[in-house]
Amino acid sequence: MSESSKLAVYPGTFDPITSGHVDILERSLALFEKVIVAISTNPNKQPLFTLEERQQFILDALGSNSERVIFDANDQLLVDYCRRVGATTI
C-alpha cells in the first residue's frame, strides 16, 4: 500500500457532528491508517459551534479511535487541499 493510500480526507462542516458522520469516520478508520477530518470554514456562514468545539465533539464521539484522526481547518478547494496533504481518497 502506498503512503498516500494510507491517508484519507473526510471533509465537512460537522456543525454539529451527527451519528452519520461518526459512522463514516469509523468506517474510514477501518480502511486507512490515518484520516484527516478537514473541518470546512465558510466566511459567508455563521456556524453554531467554533472549530475547537466541533473538534472536541468528534473526539468525544470517537473515544479510543481518535489517535488516528488528524484535525485541520480547510477553506480551500477540496481537490487542492487533498493534493497539498498528499491524500488520494476523499
Protein backbone atom coordinates (compact mmCIF):
# COMPACT_ATOMS: atom_id res chain seq x y z
CA MET A 1 0.00 0.00 0.00
CA SER A 2 1.49 3.35 -0.99
CA GLU A 3 1.88 6.12 1.58
CA SER A 4 -0.90 8.23 0.01
CA SER A 5 -3.34 5.29 0.01
CA LYS A 6 -2.97 5.12 3.78
CA LEU A 7 -4.38 8.65 4.18
CA ALA A 8 -7.93 9.80 3.54
CA VAL A 9 -9.64 13.16 3.92
CA TYR A 10 -13.12 13.45 5.42
CA PRO A 11 -14.38 16.97 4.69
CA GLY A 12 -17.38 18.67 6.22
CA THR A 13 -18.59 21.43 8.48
CA PHE A 14 -19.56 19.00 11.27
CA ASP A 15 -21.76 21.73 12.73
CA PRO A 16 -22.90 19.75 14.63
CA ILE A 17 -21.50 16.25 14.25
CA THR A 18 -24.14 13.56 13.71
CA SER A 19 -24.28 9.79 14.18
CA GLY A 20 -23.91 9.50 10.40
CA HIS A 21 -20.67 11.49 10.50
CA VAL A 22 -19.31 9.23 13.23
CA ASP A 23 -20.32 6.09 11.31
CA ILE A 24 -18.50 7.23 8.17
CA LEU A 25 -15.42 8.23 10.17
CA GLU A 26 -15.29 4.88 11.98
CA ARG A 27 -15.64 3.02 8.66
CA SER A 28 -12.86 5.16 7.20
CA LEU A 29 -10.58 4.27 10.09
CA ALA A 30 -11.12 0.59 9.29
CA LEU A 31 -9.69 1.21 5.80
CA PHE A 32 -6.99 3.84 6.30
CA GLU A 33 -4.12 4.31 8.73
CA LYS A 34 -4.96 7.99 9.20
CA VAL A 35 -7.97 10.13 8.39
CA ILE A 36 -7.79 13.89 8.18
CA VAL A 37 -11.03 15.48 9.33
CA ALA A 38 -10.96 18.67 7.28
CA ILE A 39 -13.39 20.96 9.04
CA SER A 40 -14.63 23.35 6.40
CA THR A 41 -14.93 27.02 7.07
CA ASN A 42 -17.16 29.38 5.14
CA PRO A 43 -16.89 33.10 5.83
CA ASN A 44 -20.42 33.57 4.46
CA LYS A 45 -22.00 31.33 7.11
CA GLN A 46 -22.23 31.70 10.87
CA PRO A 47 -21.55 28.29 12.48
CA LEU A 48 -23.28 27.18 15.66
CA PHE A 49 -20.01 25.93 17.16
CA THR A 50 -16.36 27.02 16.98
CA LEU A 51 -13.78 24.86 15.21
CA GLU A 52 -12.39 23.82 18.59
CA GLU A 53 -15.83 22.78 19.85
CA ARG A 54 -16.54 20.76 16.69
CA GLN A 55 -13.16 19.04 17.03
CA GLN A 56 -13.86 18.18 20.67
CA PHE A 57 -17.31 16.80 19.79
CA ILE A 58 -15.69 14.49 17.24
CA LEU A 59 -13.02 13.38 19.72
CA ASP A 60 -15.68 12.67 22.35
CA ALA A 61 -17.74 10.64 19.87
CA LEU A 62 -14.77 8.54 18.70
CA GLY A 63 -13.28 7.64 22.04
CA SER A 64 -10.26 5.37 21.65
CA ASN A 65 -10.24 5.56 17.83
CA SER A 66 -9.23 9.21 17.91
CA GLU A 67 -5.44 8.67 17.93
CA ARG A 68 -5.50 8.05 14.15
CA VAL A 69 -7.53 11.15 13.35
CA ILE A 70 -5.88 14.40 12.31
CA PHE A 71 -7.87 17.63 12.52
CA ASP A 72 -7.41 20.54 10.18
CA ALA A 73 -9.40 23.59 9.13
CA ASN A 74 -9.96 23.88 5.39
CA ASP A 75 -11.03 26.93 3.44
CA GLN A 76 -9.68 25.99 0.02
CA LEU A 77 -10.94 23.91 -2.89
CA LEU A 78 -11.08 20.29 -1.70
CA VAL A 79 -9.00 18.84 -4.55
CA ASP A 80 -6.26 21.40 -3.88
CA TYR A 81 -6.35 20.55 -0.18
CA CYS A 82 -6.03 16.81 -0.91
CA ARG A 83 -3.06 17.43 -3.19
CA ARG A 84 -1.40 19.60 -0.56
CA VAL A 85 -1.69 16.95 2.18
CA GLY A 86 -0.93 14.01 -0.12
CA ALA A 87 -4.28 12.22 0.18
CA THR A 88 -5.80 10.36 -2.75
CA THR A 89 -9.08 9.38 -1.13
CA ILE A 90 -11.98 11.54 -0.01
